[in-house]
Amino acid sequence: MVMILKTPRRQMLADDVYEQLKALVMDSSIEPGARMNIEDLARQLEVSPTPVREALARLESEGLAVKLPLKGYRTTDLLDAQGLRELYDLRLLLEGPSARRAAERITDEQAEALRLEMHSVVEVPEAHRYESYLPLTAHDVRLHQLLLADAGNQMVREAFERTHCHLHIFRLTYGRLSGVHTITEHAAVVDAVVSRDGDAAEEAMRAHLIQSRDRVLAGIS
């Protein structure tokens, strides 16, 4: 007899509340710097305060919310131009050399996983809504994580994941995300990595990050 494991209803509710609040923060329906009162949010979502409190704690761990002593939470401010440049400076330090290392040590199985990931997004989003960009942003996160995993440096992977960079960049580019450019640049990186060309892989990753940074800066300047 095959047992089907089901997600407990409480966990499903907590995840749903988290996704709803995250969407509101990401598309600025809850504006940057705005207070988020647990009781008010619970009433609006027609849930108890517990899943709201859990969701806000998760948003805090991602750098999207800040806990205020005795006052609940507020959303974090958007990155300014200087903060954005510093974030990309870190990414260039971590991801450029990692792309080279991935190309130098990649296995056939890892190469196939990268190819499959490039086929996972077949359409560029048109609607300017957070939900419409989820497949593309999820691909973006997965691809960069795959490349870092292929490079084989756990400390670099953990440092990258702690930045939650894709979330903070998306908040700045909401409604202006250039999916066509992103996919084209990703393809260039993957082509170089699976060809085991370290020089080309590092250069393609650097070019991708620099062009991504400049697109975001142009949108907020």
N, C-alpha and C. Protein backbone atom coordinates (compact mmCIF):
# COMPACT_ATOMS: atom_id res chain seq x y z
N MET A 1 0.84 -1.19 0.00
CA MET A 1 0.00 0.00 0.00
C MET A 1 0.88 1.24 0.00
N VAL A 2 0.59 2.15 -0.92
CA VAL A 2 1.37 3.38 -1.04
C VAL A 2 0.74 4.46 -0.19
N MET A 3 1.53 5.05 0.70
CA MET A 3 1.02 6.13 1.53
C MET A 3 1.28 7.46 0.85
N ILE A 4 0.28 8.33 0.81
CA ILE A 4 0.42 9.66 0.23
C ILE A 4 0.55 10.65 1.37
N LEU A 5 1.70 11.28 1.43
CA LEU A 5 1.93 12.26 2.49
C LEU A 5 1.35 13.60 2.08
N LYS A 6 0.57 14.17 2.97
CA LYS A 6 -0.06 15.46 2.68
C LYS A 6 0.52 16.54 3.58
N THR A 7 0.66 17.73 3.02
CA THR A 7 1.12 18.86 3.81
C THR A 7 0.05 19.22 4.83
N PRO A 8 0.38 19.34 6.11
CA PRO A 8 -0.62 19.71 7.10
C PRO A 8 -1.30 21.02 6.73
N ARG A 9 -2.59 21.09 7.06
CA ARG A 9 -3.37 22.28 6.71
C ARG A 9 -2.75 23.54 7.30
N ARG A 10 -2.22 23.44 8.52
CA ARG A 10 -1.63 24.61 9.14
C ARG A 10 -0.44 25.12 8.34
N GLN A 11 0.39 24.17 7.84
CA GLN A 11 1.55 24.57 7.05
C GLN A 11 1.12 25.16 5.72
N MET A 12 0.08 24.58 5.10
CA MET A 12 -0.43 25.13 3.85
C MET A 12 -0.91 26.55 4.07
N LEU A 13 -1.60 26.80 5.17
CA LEU A 13 -2.10 28.14 5.47
C LEU A 13 -0.95 29.11 5.67
N ALA A 14 0.06 28.68 6.45
CA ALA A 14 1.21 29.56 6.70
C ALA A 14 1.94 29.90 5.41
N ASP A 15 2.12 28.91 4.53
CA ASP A 15 2.79 29.15 3.25
C ASP A 15 1.98 30.11 2.38
N ASP A 16 0.66 29.94 2.38
CA ASP A 16 -0.19 30.79 1.57
C ASP A 16 -0.14 32.23 2.05
N VAL A 17 -0.19 32.42 3.36
CA VAL A 17 -0.10 33.77 3.92
C VAL A 17 1.25 34.39 3.57
N TYR A 18 2.30 33.60 3.68
CA TYR A 18 3.64 34.09 3.33
C TYR A 18 3.69 34.54 1.88
N GLU A 19 3.17 33.72 0.96
CA GLU A 19 3.21 34.07 -0.46
C GLU A 19 2.38 35.32 -0.74
N GLN A 20 1.24 35.46 -0.08
CA GLN A 20 0.41 36.65 -0.29
C GLN A 20 1.12 37.91 0.19
N LEU A 21 1.70 37.85 1.38
CA LEU A 21 2.40 39.02 1.90
C LEU A 21 3.65 39.34 1.09
N LYS A 22 4.35 38.30 0.66
CA LYS A 22 5.54 38.51 -0.15
C LYS A 22 5.19 39.21 -1.46
N ALA A 23 4.11 38.78 -2.09
CA ALA A 23 3.67 39.41 -3.34
C ALA A 23 3.34 40.88 -3.12
N LEU A 24 2.69 41.19 -2.00
CA LEU A 24 2.33 42.58 -1.70
C LEU A 24 3.57 43.44 -1.48
N VAL A 25 4.59 42.86 -0.87
CA VAL A 25 5.84 43.60 -0.66
C VAL A 25 6.60 43.75 -1.96
N MET A 26 6.67 42.67 -2.74
CA MET A 26 7.48 42.69 -3.95
C MET A 26 6.95 43.66 -4.99
N ASP A 27 5.62 43.77 -5.12
CA ASP A 27 5.09 44.70 -6.12
C ASP A 27 4.74 46.05 -5.53
N SER A 28 5.20 46.29 -4.27
CA SER A 28 5.02 47.58 -3.58
C SER A 28 3.58 47.93 -3.30
N SER A 29 2.68 46.92 -3.28
CA SER A 29 1.33 47.19 -2.78
C SER A 29 1.41 47.56 -1.30
N ILE A 30 2.36 46.93 -0.59
CA ILE A 30 2.78 47.44 0.72
C ILE A 30 4.07 48.19 0.45
N GLU A 31 4.06 49.49 0.60
CA GLU A 31 5.17 50.32 0.14
C GLU A 31 6.43 50.12 0.97
N PRO A 32 7.59 50.36 0.38
CA PRO A 32 8.85 50.28 1.14
C PRO A 32 8.80 51.20 2.36
N GLY A 33 9.21 50.67 3.50
CA GLY A 33 9.21 51.45 4.73
C GLY A 33 7.89 51.48 5.47
N ALA A 34 6.86 50.84 4.93
CA ALA A 34 5.53 50.89 5.55
C ALA A 34 5.45 49.94 6.74
N ARG A 35 4.68 50.34 7.76
CA ARG A 35 4.45 49.48 8.91
C ARG A 35 3.54 48.32 8.51
N MET A 36 3.78 47.16 9.10
CA MET A 36 2.93 45.99 8.88
C MET A 36 2.46 45.49 10.24
N ASN A 37 1.24 45.79 10.57
CA ASN A 37 0.66 45.40 11.85
C ASN A 37 0.08 43.99 11.75
N ILE A 38 0.50 43.13 12.63
CA ILE A 38 0.09 41.73 12.57
C ILE A 38 -1.42 41.57 12.67
N GLU A 39 -2.02 42.26 13.61
CA GLU A 39 -3.47 42.13 13.80
C GLU A 39 -4.23 42.65 12.60
N ASP A 40 -3.81 43.77 12.05
CA ASP A 40 -4.48 44.34 10.87
C ASP A 40 -4.37 43.40 9.67
N LEU A 41 -3.17 42.86 9.46
CA LEU A 41 -2.98 41.95 8.34
C LEU A 41 -3.81 40.68 8.52
N ALA A 42 -3.87 40.20 9.74
CA ALA A 42 -4.66 38.99 10.01
C ALA A 42 -6.13 39.22 9.68
N ARG A 43 -6.64 40.39 10.04
CA ARG A 43 -8.05 40.69 9.72
C ARG A 43 -8.25 40.79 8.21
N GLN A 44 -7.33 41.45 7.52
CA GLN A 44 -7.48 41.61 6.07
C GLN A 44 -7.42 40.27 5.34
N LEU A 45 -6.57 39.38 5.82
CA LEU A 45 -6.42 38.07 5.18
C LEU A 45 -7.37 37.03 5.74
N GLU A 46 -8.11 37.42 6.76
CA GLU A 46 -9.09 36.54 7.40
C GLU A 46 -8.44 35.26 7.93
N VAL A 47 -7.34 35.46 8.64
CA VAL A 47 -6.63 34.36 9.29
C VAL A 47 -6.30 34.78 10.71
N SER A 48 -5.79 33.84 11.48
CA SER A 48 -5.34 34.18 12.83
C SER A 48 -3.99 34.89 12.75
N PRO A 49 -3.58 35.55 13.83
CA PRO A 49 -2.28 36.25 13.80
C PRO A 49 -1.08 35.32 13.66
N THR A 50 -1.22 34.05 14.03
CA THR A 50 -0.06 33.14 14.04
C THR A 50 0.59 32.98 12.66
N PRO A 51 -0.16 32.62 11.58
CA PRO A 51 0.51 32.48 10.28
C PRO A 51 1.05 33.81 9.75
N VAL A 52 0.43 34.92 10.14
CA VAL A 52 0.95 36.23 9.73
C VAL A 52 2.30 36.48 10.40
N ARG A 53 2.36 36.17 11.69
CA ARG A 53 3.61 36.35 12.43
C ARG A 53 4.72 35.46 11.83
N GLU A 54 4.39 34.23 11.48
CA GLU A 54 5.37 33.33 10.87
C GLU A 54 5.81 33.85 9.50
N ALA A 55 4.86 34.37 8.73
CA ALA A 55 5.20 34.89 7.40
C ALA A 55 6.12 36.09 7.51
N LEU A 56 5.85 36.97 8.46
CA LEU A 56 6.69 38.16 8.63
C LEU A 56 8.10 37.78 9.08
N ALA A 57 8.20 36.74 9.89
CA ALA A 57 9.53 36.28 10.29
C ALA A 57 10.31 35.75 9.09
N ARG A 58 9.62 35.07 8.17
CA ARG A 58 10.27 34.59 6.95
C ARG A 58 10.70 35.75 6.07
N LEU A 59 9.85 36.76 5.96
CA LEU A 59 10.21 37.94 5.17
C LEU A 59 11.40 38.67 5.79
N GLU A 60 11.46 38.67 7.11
CA GLU A 60 12.60 39.29 7.78
C GLU A 60 13.89 38.55 7.43
N SER A 61 13.83 37.21 7.39
CA SER A 61 15.03 36.41 7.08
C SER A 61 15.50 36.66 5.66
N GLU A 62 14.60 37.10 4.77
CA GLU A 62 14.95 37.40 3.38
C GLU A 62 15.32 38.86 3.17
N GLY A 63 15.31 39.64 4.24
CA GLY A 63 15.66 41.05 4.12
C GLY A 63 14.55 41.91 3.54
N LEU A 64 13.31 41.41 3.55
CA LEU A 64 12.19 42.17 3.03
C LEU A 64 11.39 42.87 4.13
N ALA A 65 11.66 42.51 5.38
CA ALA A 65 10.97 43.12 6.51
C ALA A 65 11.95 43.30 7.66
N VAL A 66 11.64 44.25 8.52
CA VAL A 66 12.45 44.53 9.71
C VAL A 66 11.54 44.50 10.92
N LYS A 67 11.96 43.81 11.95
CA LYS A 67 11.17 43.76 13.18
C LYS A 67 11.49 44.97 14.04
N LEU A 68 10.45 45.66 14.47
CA LEU A 68 10.60 46.84 15.30
C LEU A 68 10.24 46.48 16.74
N PRO A 69 11.11 46.75 17.69
CA PRO A 69 10.82 46.39 19.09
C PRO A 69 9.48 46.97 19.56
N LEU A 70 8.59 46.10 19.98
CA LEU A 70 7.27 46.46 20.53
C LEU A 70 6.35 47.15 19.52
N LYS A 71 6.73 47.13 18.24
CA LYS A 71 5.92 47.84 17.24
C LYS A 71 5.56 46.97 16.03
N GLY A 72 5.93 45.72 16.03
CA GLY A 72 5.64 44.87 14.88
C GLY A 72 6.73 44.94 13.85
N TYR A 73 6.33 45.03 12.57
CA TYR A 73 7.29 45.00 11.46
C TYR A 73 7.06 46.16 10.51
N ARG A 74 8.08 46.44 9.72
CA ARG A 74 7.93 47.33 8.57
C ARG A 74 8.68 46.71 7.41
N THR A 75 8.29 47.08 6.20
CA THR A 75 9.03 46.62 5.03
C THR A 75 10.36 47.34 4.94
N THR A 76 11.35 46.67 4.39
CA THR A 76 12.65 47.32 4.23
C THR A 76 12.60 48.32 3.08
N ASP A 77 13.51 49.27 3.15
CA ASP A 77 13.62 50.25 2.07
C ASP A 77 14.21 49.58 0.84
N LEU A 78 13.93 50.17 -0.32
CA LEU A 78 14.56 49.70 -1.55
C LEU A 78 16.05 50.03 -1.53
N LEU A 79 16.82 49.21 -2.22
CA LEU A 79 18.23 49.54 -2.39
C LEU A 79 18.37 50.85 -3.15
N ASP A 80 19.30 51.71 -2.72
CA ASP A 80 19.61 52.89 -3.51
C ASP A 80 20.71 52.53 -4.52
N ALA A 81 21.10 53.50 -5.33
CA ALA A 81 22.07 53.22 -6.39
C ALA A 81 23.38 52.69 -5.82
N GLN A 82 23.84 53.27 -4.71
CA GLN A 82 25.09 52.82 -4.12
C GLN A 82 24.97 51.40 -3.59
N GLY A 83 23.85 51.11 -2.92
CA GLY A 83 23.64 49.75 -2.43
C GLY A 83 23.58 48.74 -3.54
N LEU A 84 22.96 49.14 -4.65
CA LEU A 84 22.87 48.24 -5.79
C LEU A 84 24.25 47.97 -6.38
N ARG A 85 25.06 49.02 -6.52
CA ARG A 85 26.42 48.82 -7.06
C ARG A 85 27.22 47.89 -6.16
N GLU A 86 27.09 48.06 -4.85
CA GLU A 86 27.83 47.20 -3.92
C GLU A 86 27.36 45.76 -4.01
N LEU A 87 26.07 45.56 -4.18
CA LEU A 87 25.56 44.20 -4.33
C LEU A 87 26.13 43.54 -5.58
N TYR A 88 26.16 44.27 -6.68
CA TYR A 88 26.71 43.70 -7.91
C TYR A 88 28.23 43.54 -7.82
N ASP A 89 28.91 44.42 -7.09
CA ASP A 89 30.35 44.23 -6.89
C ASP A 89 30.61 42.88 -6.21
N LEU A 90 29.78 42.57 -5.21
CA LEU A 90 29.92 41.28 -4.53
C LEU A 90 29.63 40.13 -5.47
N ARG A 91 28.58 40.26 -6.26
CA ARG A 91 28.23 39.20 -7.20
C ARG A 91 29.35 38.98 -8.22
N LEU A 92 29.96 40.05 -8.67
CA LEU A 92 31.06 39.92 -9.63
C LEU A 92 32.24 39.17 -9.00
N LEU A 93 32.50 39.44 -7.72
CA LEU A 93 33.58 38.74 -7.04
C LEU A 93 33.28 37.25 -6.87
N LEU A 94 32.01 36.93 -6.60
CA LEU A 94 31.64 35.55 -6.35
C LEU A 94 31.35 34.76 -7.61
N GLU A 95 30.60 35.36 -8.54
CA GLU A 95 30.04 34.58 -9.63
C GLU A 95 30.92 34.52 -10.88
N GLY A 96 31.74 35.53 -11.11
CA GLY A 96 32.63 35.46 -12.26
C GLY A 96 33.61 34.30 -12.15
N PRO A 97 34.41 34.27 -11.08
CA PRO A 97 35.34 33.13 -10.91
C PRO A 97 34.62 31.79 -10.77
N SER A 98 33.41 31.81 -10.19
CA SER A 98 32.67 30.55 -10.04
C SER A 98 32.25 29.99 -11.38
N ALA A 99 31.89 30.86 -12.32
CA ALA A 99 31.54 30.38 -13.66
C ALA A 99 32.74 29.72 -14.33
N ARG A 100 33.92 30.31 -14.15
CA ARG A 100 35.15 29.71 -14.69
C ARG A 100 35.38 28.34 -14.06
N ARG A 101 35.26 28.26 -12.74
CA ARG A 101 35.51 27.00 -12.05
C ARG A 101 34.48 25.94 -12.46
N ALA A 102 33.22 26.38 -12.64
CA ALA A 102 32.20 25.43 -13.09
C ALA A 102 32.56 24.85 -14.45
N ALA A 103 33.04 25.69 -15.35
CA ALA A 103 33.42 25.23 -16.69
C ALA A 103 34.57 24.25 -16.63
N GLU A 104 35.47 24.44 -15.68
CA GLU A 104 36.67 23.60 -15.60
C GLU A 104 36.41 22.23 -14.97
N ARG A 105 35.31 22.13 -14.21
CA ARG A 105 35.09 20.87 -13.48
C ARG A 105 33.72 20.23 -13.75
N ILE A 106 32.97 20.77 -14.68
CA ILE A 106 31.60 20.31 -14.87
C ILE A 106 31.56 18.87 -15.40
N THR A 107 30.58 18.11 -14.91
CA THR A 107 30.38 16.74 -15.39
C THR A 107 29.32 16.76 -16.49
N ASP A 108 29.20 15.64 -17.19
CA ASP A 108 28.18 15.54 -18.23
C ASP A 108 26.78 15.70 -17.64
N GLU A 109 26.55 15.14 -16.46
CA GLU A 109 25.24 15.25 -15.82
C GLU A 109 24.93 16.69 -15.44
N GLN A 110 25.92 17.41 -14.94
CA GLN A 110 25.71 18.81 -14.59
C GLN A 110 25.46 19.66 -15.83
N ALA A 111 26.17 19.36 -16.90
CA ALA A 111 25.96 20.09 -18.15
C ALA A 111 24.54 19.89 -18.66
N GLU A 112 24.04 18.66 -18.57
CA GLU A 112 22.68 18.38 -19.01
C GLU A 112 21.66 19.12 -18.15
N ALA A 113 21.92 19.21 -16.85
CA ALA A 113 21.02 19.94 -15.95
C ALA A 113 20.96 21.42 -16.33
N LEU A 114 22.08 21.99 -16.72
CA LEU A 114 22.08 23.39 -17.16
C LEU A 114 21.29 23.56 -18.45
N ARG A 115 21.45 22.63 -19.38
CA ARG A 115 20.70 22.70 -20.63
C ARG A 115 19.20 22.61 -20.37
N LEU A 116 18.81 21.71 -19.49
CA LEU A 116 17.40 21.55 -19.16
C LEU A 116 16.85 22.81 -18.49
N GLU A 117 17.67 23.42 -17.65
CA GLU A 117 17.21 24.65 -17.00
C GLU A 117 16.97 25.76 -18.02
N MET A 118 17.80 25.83 -19.04
CA MET A 118 17.61 26.85 -20.06
C MET A 118 16.32 26.64 -20.85
N HIS A 119 15.81 25.42 -20.85
CA HIS A 119 14.55 25.13 -21.55
C HIS A 119 13.33 25.27 -20.63
N SER A 120 13.55 25.64 -19.38
CA SER A 120 12.45 25.67 -18.41
C SER A 120 11.58 26.91 -18.55
N VAL A 121 12.11 27.96 -19.16
CA VAL A 121 11.34 29.19 -19.36
C VAL A 121 11.17 29.40 -20.85
N VAL A 122 9.93 29.27 -21.32
CA VAL A 122 9.69 29.35 -22.76
C VAL A 122 9.04 30.67 -23.16
N GLU A 123 8.54 31.42 -22.19
CA GLU A 123 7.88 32.68 -22.51
C GLU A 123 8.42 33.79 -21.62
N VAL A 124 8.57 34.97 -22.21
CA VAL A 124 8.93 36.15 -21.44
C VAL A 124 7.65 36.80 -20.95
N PRO A 125 7.55 37.12 -19.66
CA PRO A 125 6.30 37.68 -19.13
C PRO A 125 5.96 39.02 -19.76
N GLU A 126 4.66 39.24 -19.93
CA GLU A 126 4.18 40.50 -20.49
C GLU A 126 3.46 41.34 -19.45
N ALA A 127 2.62 40.69 -18.62
CA ALA A 127 1.87 41.43 -17.62
C ALA A 127 2.81 41.94 -16.53
N HIS A 128 2.58 43.18 -16.09
CA HIS A 128 3.44 43.79 -15.09
C HIS A 128 2.91 43.47 -13.68
N ARG A 129 2.91 42.19 -13.35
CA ARG A 129 2.48 41.74 -12.04
C ARG A 129 3.52 40.77 -11.50
N TYR A 130 3.69 40.81 -10.17
CA TYR A 130 4.68 39.94 -9.54
C TYR A 130 4.48 38.49 -9.94
N GLU A 131 3.23 38.03 -9.90
CA GLU A 131 2.96 36.62 -10.20
C GLU A 131 3.38 36.24 -11.61
N SER A 132 3.24 37.17 -12.57
CA SER A 132 3.57 36.85 -13.95
C SER A 132 5.08 36.67 -14.16
N TYR A 133 5.87 37.23 -13.25
CA TYR A 133 7.32 37.12 -13.38
C TYR A 133 7.90 35.94 -12.60
N LEU A 134 7.06 35.25 -11.83
CA LEU A 134 7.58 34.18 -10.98
C LEU A 134 8.35 33.10 -11.75
N PRO A 135 7.84 32.60 -12.89
CA PRO A 135 8.61 31.57 -13.60
C PRO A 135 10.00 32.06 -14.03
N LEU A 136 10.07 33.30 -14.52
CA LEU A 136 11.35 33.83 -14.96
C LEU A 136 12.30 34.06 -13.79
N THR A 137 11.79 34.65 -12.70
CA THR A 137 12.66 34.91 -11.56
C THR A 137 13.09 33.61 -10.90
N ALA A 138 12.20 32.61 -10.89
CA ALA A 138 12.58 31.30 -10.33
C ALA A 138 13.68 30.67 -11.17
N HIS A 139 13.58 30.79 -12.49
CA HIS A 139 14.63 30.30 -13.38
C HIS A 139 15.95 31.03 -13.10
N ASP A 140 15.87 32.32 -12.94
CA ASP A 140 17.06 33.13 -12.69
C ASP A 140 17.78 32.64 -11.44
N VAL A 141 17.02 32.44 -10.37
CA VAL A 141 17.61 31.95 -9.12
C VAL A 141 18.20 30.56 -9.32
N ARG A 142 17.42 29.66 -9.94
CA ARG A 142 17.89 28.28 -10.11
C ARG A 142 19.18 28.21 -10.91
N LEU A 143 19.24 28.98 -12.00
CA LEU A 143 20.41 28.90 -12.86
C LEU A 143 21.67 29.35 -12.14
N HIS A 144 21.57 30.49 -11.48
CA HIS A 144 22.75 30.98 -10.76
C HIS A 144 23.15 30.02 -9.65
N GLN A 145 22.18 29.41 -8.98
CA GLN A 145 22.51 28.45 -7.93
C GLN A 145 23.13 27.18 -8.51
N LEU A 146 22.63 26.74 -9.66
CA LEU A 146 23.22 25.57 -10.30
C LEU A 146 24.69 25.82 -10.65
N LEU A 147 24.97 26.98 -11.20
CA LEU A 147 26.34 27.30 -11.59
C LEU A 147 27.26 27.35 -10.38
N LEU A 148 26.77 27.93 -9.29
CA LEU A 148 27.57 27.98 -8.07
C LEU A 148 27.78 26.57 -7.50
N ALA A 149 26.75 25.73 -7.58
CA ALA A 149 26.89 24.35 -7.12
C ALA A 149 27.92 23.61 -7.99
N ASP A 150 27.87 23.83 -9.30
CA ASP A 150 28.83 23.18 -10.19
C ASP A 150 30.26 23.63 -9.90
N ALA A 151 30.41 24.86 -9.41
CA ALA A 151 31.75 25.36 -9.07
C ALA A 151 32.31 24.65 -7.85
N GLY A 152 31.43 24.13 -6.99
CA GLY A 152 31.87 23.28 -5.90
C GLY A 152 32.39 23.96 -4.66
N ASN A 153 32.11 25.26 -4.47
CA ASN A 153 32.57 25.97 -3.27
C ASN A 153 31.36 26.29 -2.40
N GLN A 154 31.19 25.52 -1.32
CA GLN A 154 30.01 25.67 -0.46
C GLN A 154 29.95 27.04 0.21
N MET A 155 31.09 27.58 0.61
CA MET A 155 31.09 28.88 1.28
C MET A 155 30.65 29.99 0.34
N VAL A 156 31.06 29.90 -0.91
CA VAL A 156 30.61 30.89 -1.90
C VAL A 156 29.11 30.77 -2.11
N ARG A 157 28.60 29.54 -2.21
CA ARG A 157 27.14 29.34 -2.37
C ARG A 157 26.38 29.95 -1.22
N GLU A 158 26.85 29.72 -0.01
CA GLU A 158 26.15 30.25 1.16
C GLU A 158 26.20 31.77 1.22
N ALA A 159 27.33 32.34 0.85
CA ALA A 159 27.45 33.80 0.83
C ALA A 159 26.49 34.40 -0.18
N PHE A 160 26.38 33.76 -1.34
CA PHE A 160 25.46 34.23 -2.38
C PHE A 160 24.02 34.14 -1.90
N GLU A 161 23.66 33.01 -1.31
CA GLU A 161 22.27 32.81 -0.87
C GLU A 161 21.87 33.80 0.22
N ARG A 162 22.81 34.20 1.06
CA ARG A 162 22.49 35.13 2.14
C ARG A 162 22.17 36.52 1.63
N THR A 163 22.59 36.86 0.43
CA THR A 163 22.29 38.19 -0.11
C THR A 163 20.83 38.33 -0.53
N HIS A 164 20.17 37.20 -0.86
CA HIS A 164 18.80 37.24 -1.41
C HIS A 164 18.73 38.30 -2.53
N CYS A 165 19.78 38.32 -3.34
CA CYS A 165 19.95 39.40 -4.31
C CYS A 165 18.82 39.48 -5.32
N HIS A 166 18.29 38.33 -5.76
CA HIS A 166 17.25 38.38 -6.79
C HIS A 166 15.98 39.04 -6.28
N LEU A 167 15.67 38.85 -5.01
CA LEU A 167 14.49 39.50 -4.45
C LEU A 167 14.65 41.02 -4.44
N HIS A 168 15.81 41.49 -4.00
CA HIS A 168 16.00 42.93 -3.88
C HIS A 168 16.15 43.60 -5.24
N ILE A 169 16.74 42.90 -6.18
CA ILE A 169 16.83 43.46 -7.54
C ILE A 169 15.45 43.52 -8.18
N PHE A 170 14.65 42.46 -7.98
CA PHE A 170 13.31 42.45 -8.56
C PHE A 170 12.47 43.60 -8.02
N ARG A 171 12.59 43.92 -6.74
CA ARG A 171 11.80 45.04 -6.19
C ARG A 171 12.11 46.34 -6.92
N LEU A 172 13.35 46.49 -7.37
CA LEU A 172 13.73 47.70 -8.09
C LEU A 172 13.29 47.67 -9.54
N THR A 173 13.18 46.49 -10.11
CA THR A 173 12.88 46.37 -11.54
C THR A 173 11.43 45.99 -11.80
N TYR A 174 10.60 45.98 -10.76
CA TYR A 174 9.21 45.55 -10.92
C TYR A 174 8.56 46.28 -12.10
N GLY A 175 8.02 45.51 -13.01
CA GLY A 175 7.36 46.07 -14.19
C GLY A 175 8.30 46.47 -15.30
N ARG A 176 9.63 46.36 -15.05
CA ARG A 176 10.60 46.75 -16.07
C ARG A 176 11.63 45.66 -16.31
N LEU A 177 11.38 44.46 -15.78
CA LEU A 177 12.33 43.37 -15.92
C LEU A 177 12.49 42.98 -17.38
N SER A 178 13.74 42.92 -17.82
CA SER A 178 14.02 42.61 -19.22
C SER A 178 14.27 41.12 -19.37
N GLY A 179 13.20 40.37 -19.58
CA GLY A 179 13.32 38.93 -19.67
C GLY A 179 14.12 38.47 -20.88
N VAL A 180 13.95 39.14 -22.02
CA VAL A 180 14.66 38.74 -23.24
C VAL A 180 16.16 38.83 -23.03
N HIS A 181 16.62 39.94 -22.47
CA HIS A 181 18.06 40.10 -22.23
C HIS A 181 18.56 39.07 -21.23
N THR A 182 17.80 38.85 -20.18
CA THR A 182 18.22 37.89 -19.15
C THR A 182 18.43 36.51 -19.74
N ILE A 183 17.47 36.03 -20.51
CA ILE A 183 17.55 34.69 -21.08
C ILE A 183 18.70 34.59 -22.08
N THR A 184 18.88 35.62 -22.90
CA THR A 184 19.97 35.61 -23.88
C THR A 184 21.33 35.56 -23.19
N GLU A 185 21.48 36.35 -22.13
CA GLU A 185 22.75 36.38 -21.40
C GLU A 185 23.00 35.06 -20.66
N HIS A 186 21.94 34.50 -20.10
CA HIS A 186 22.07 33.20 -19.45
C HIS A 186 22.55 32.13 -20.45
N ALA A 187 21.99 32.17 -21.64
CA ALA A 187 22.36 31.18 -22.66
C ALA A 187 23.84 31.28 -23.00
N ALA A 188 24.38 32.50 -23.05
CA ALA A 188 25.79 32.68 -23.35
C ALA A 188 26.67 32.08 -22.25
N VAL A 189 26.24 32.28 -21.00
CA VAL A 189 27.00 31.71 -19.88
C VAL A 189 26.96 30.18 -19.94
N VAL A 190 25.78 29.62 -20.12
CA VAL A 190 25.64 28.17 -20.16
C VAL A 190 26.42 27.56 -21.32
N ASP A 191 26.35 28.18 -22.48
CA ASP A 191 27.09 27.67 -23.64
C ASP A 191 28.58 27.58 -23.33
N ALA A 192 29.11 28.61 -22.67
CA ALA A 192 30.54 28.61 -22.36
C ALA A 192 30.87 27.56 -21.31
N VAL A 193 30.02 27.42 -20.31
CA VAL A 193 30.28 26.46 -19.24
C VAL A 193 30.24 25.03 -19.76
N VAL A 194 29.18 24.69 -20.51
CA VAL A 194 29.07 23.30 -21.00
C VAL A 194 30.13 22.99 -22.06
N SER A 195 30.69 24.05 -22.68
CA SER A 195 31.80 23.85 -23.61
C SER A 195 33.13 23.73 -22.88
N ARG A 196 33.07 23.89 -21.55
CA ARG A 196 34.25 23.78 -20.69
C ARG A 196 35.32 24.82 -21.04
N ASP A 197 34.86 26.01 -21.39
CA ASP A 197 35.74 27.12 -21.72
C ASP A 197 35.73 28.10 -20.55
N GLY A 198 36.70 27.98 -19.67
CA GLY A 198 36.73 28.79 -18.46
C GLY A 198 36.81 30.27 -18.72
N ASP A 199 37.66 30.70 -19.65
CA ASP A 199 37.79 32.12 -19.97
C ASP A 199 36.45 32.69 -20.45
N ALA A 200 35.83 31.99 -21.39
CA ALA A 200 34.57 32.47 -21.95
C ALA A 200 33.46 32.47 -20.90
N ALA A 201 33.47 31.48 -20.02
CA ALA A 201 32.43 31.40 -18.99
C ALA A 201 32.54 32.57 -18.02
N GLU A 202 33.74 32.87 -17.58
CA GLU A 202 33.91 34.00 -16.65
C GLU A 202 33.54 35.31 -17.34
N GLU A 203 33.95 35.48 -18.58
CA GLU A 203 33.64 36.71 -19.30
C GLU A 203 32.15 36.85 -19.54
N ALA A 204 31.47 35.75 -19.90
CA ALA A 204 30.03 35.81 -20.13
C ALA A 204 29.27 36.14 -18.85
N MET A 205 29.71 35.58 -17.73
CA MET A 205 29.05 35.89 -16.46
C MET A 205 29.29 37.34 -16.08
N ARG A 206 30.50 37.82 -16.23
CA ARG A 206 30.78 39.22 -15.91
C ARG A 206 29.96 40.14 -16.79
N ALA A 207 29.88 39.83 -18.08
CA ALA A 207 29.09 40.66 -18.99
C ALA A 207 27.62 40.67 -18.59
N HIS A 208 27.09 39.50 -18.22
CA HIS A 208 25.69 39.40 -17.79
C HIS A 208 25.44 40.26 -16.56
N LEU A 209 26.30 40.15 -15.55
CA LEU A 209 26.10 40.90 -14.32
C LEU A 209 26.24 42.40 -14.53
N ILE A 210 27.19 42.80 -15.33
CA ILE A 210 27.39 44.23 -15.60
C ILE A 210 26.20 44.80 -16.36
N GLN A 211 25.74 44.09 -17.37
CA GLN A 211 24.59 44.57 -18.14
C GLN A 211 23.33 44.58 -17.29
N SER A 212 23.16 43.57 -16.44
CA SER A 212 22.01 43.55 -15.54
C SER A 212 22.07 44.74 -14.59
N ARG A 213 23.22 44.99 -14.00
CA ARG A 213 23.39 46.13 -13.11
C ARG A 213 23.06 47.45 -13.80
N ASP A 214 23.58 47.63 -15.00
CA ASP A 214 23.35 48.88 -15.71
C ASP A 214 21.88 49.06 -16.09
N ARG A 215 21.18 47.95 -16.41
CA ARG A 215 19.75 48.07 -16.72
C ARG A 215 18.96 48.52 -15.49
N VAL A 216 19.31 47.95 -14.35
CA VAL A 216 18.59 48.32 -13.12
C VAL A 216 18.90 49.77 -12.76
N LEU A 217 20.16 50.14 -12.84
CA LEU A 217 20.55 51.53 -12.51
C LEU A 217 19.84 52.52 -13.42
N ALA A 218 19.71 52.19 -14.70
CA ALA A 218 19.02 53.09 -15.63
C ALA A 218 17.56 53.27 -15.23
N GLY A 219 16.97 52.24 -14.65
CA GLY A 219 15.57 52.31 -14.28
C GLY A 219 15.30 53.11 -13.02
N ILE A 220 16.32 53.25 -12.16
CA ILE A 220 16.10 53.94 -10.88
C ILE A 220 16.76 55.32 -10.86
N SER A 221 17.51 55.67 -11.89
CA SER A 221 18.20 56.96 -11.89
C SER A 221 17.26 58.09 -12.26
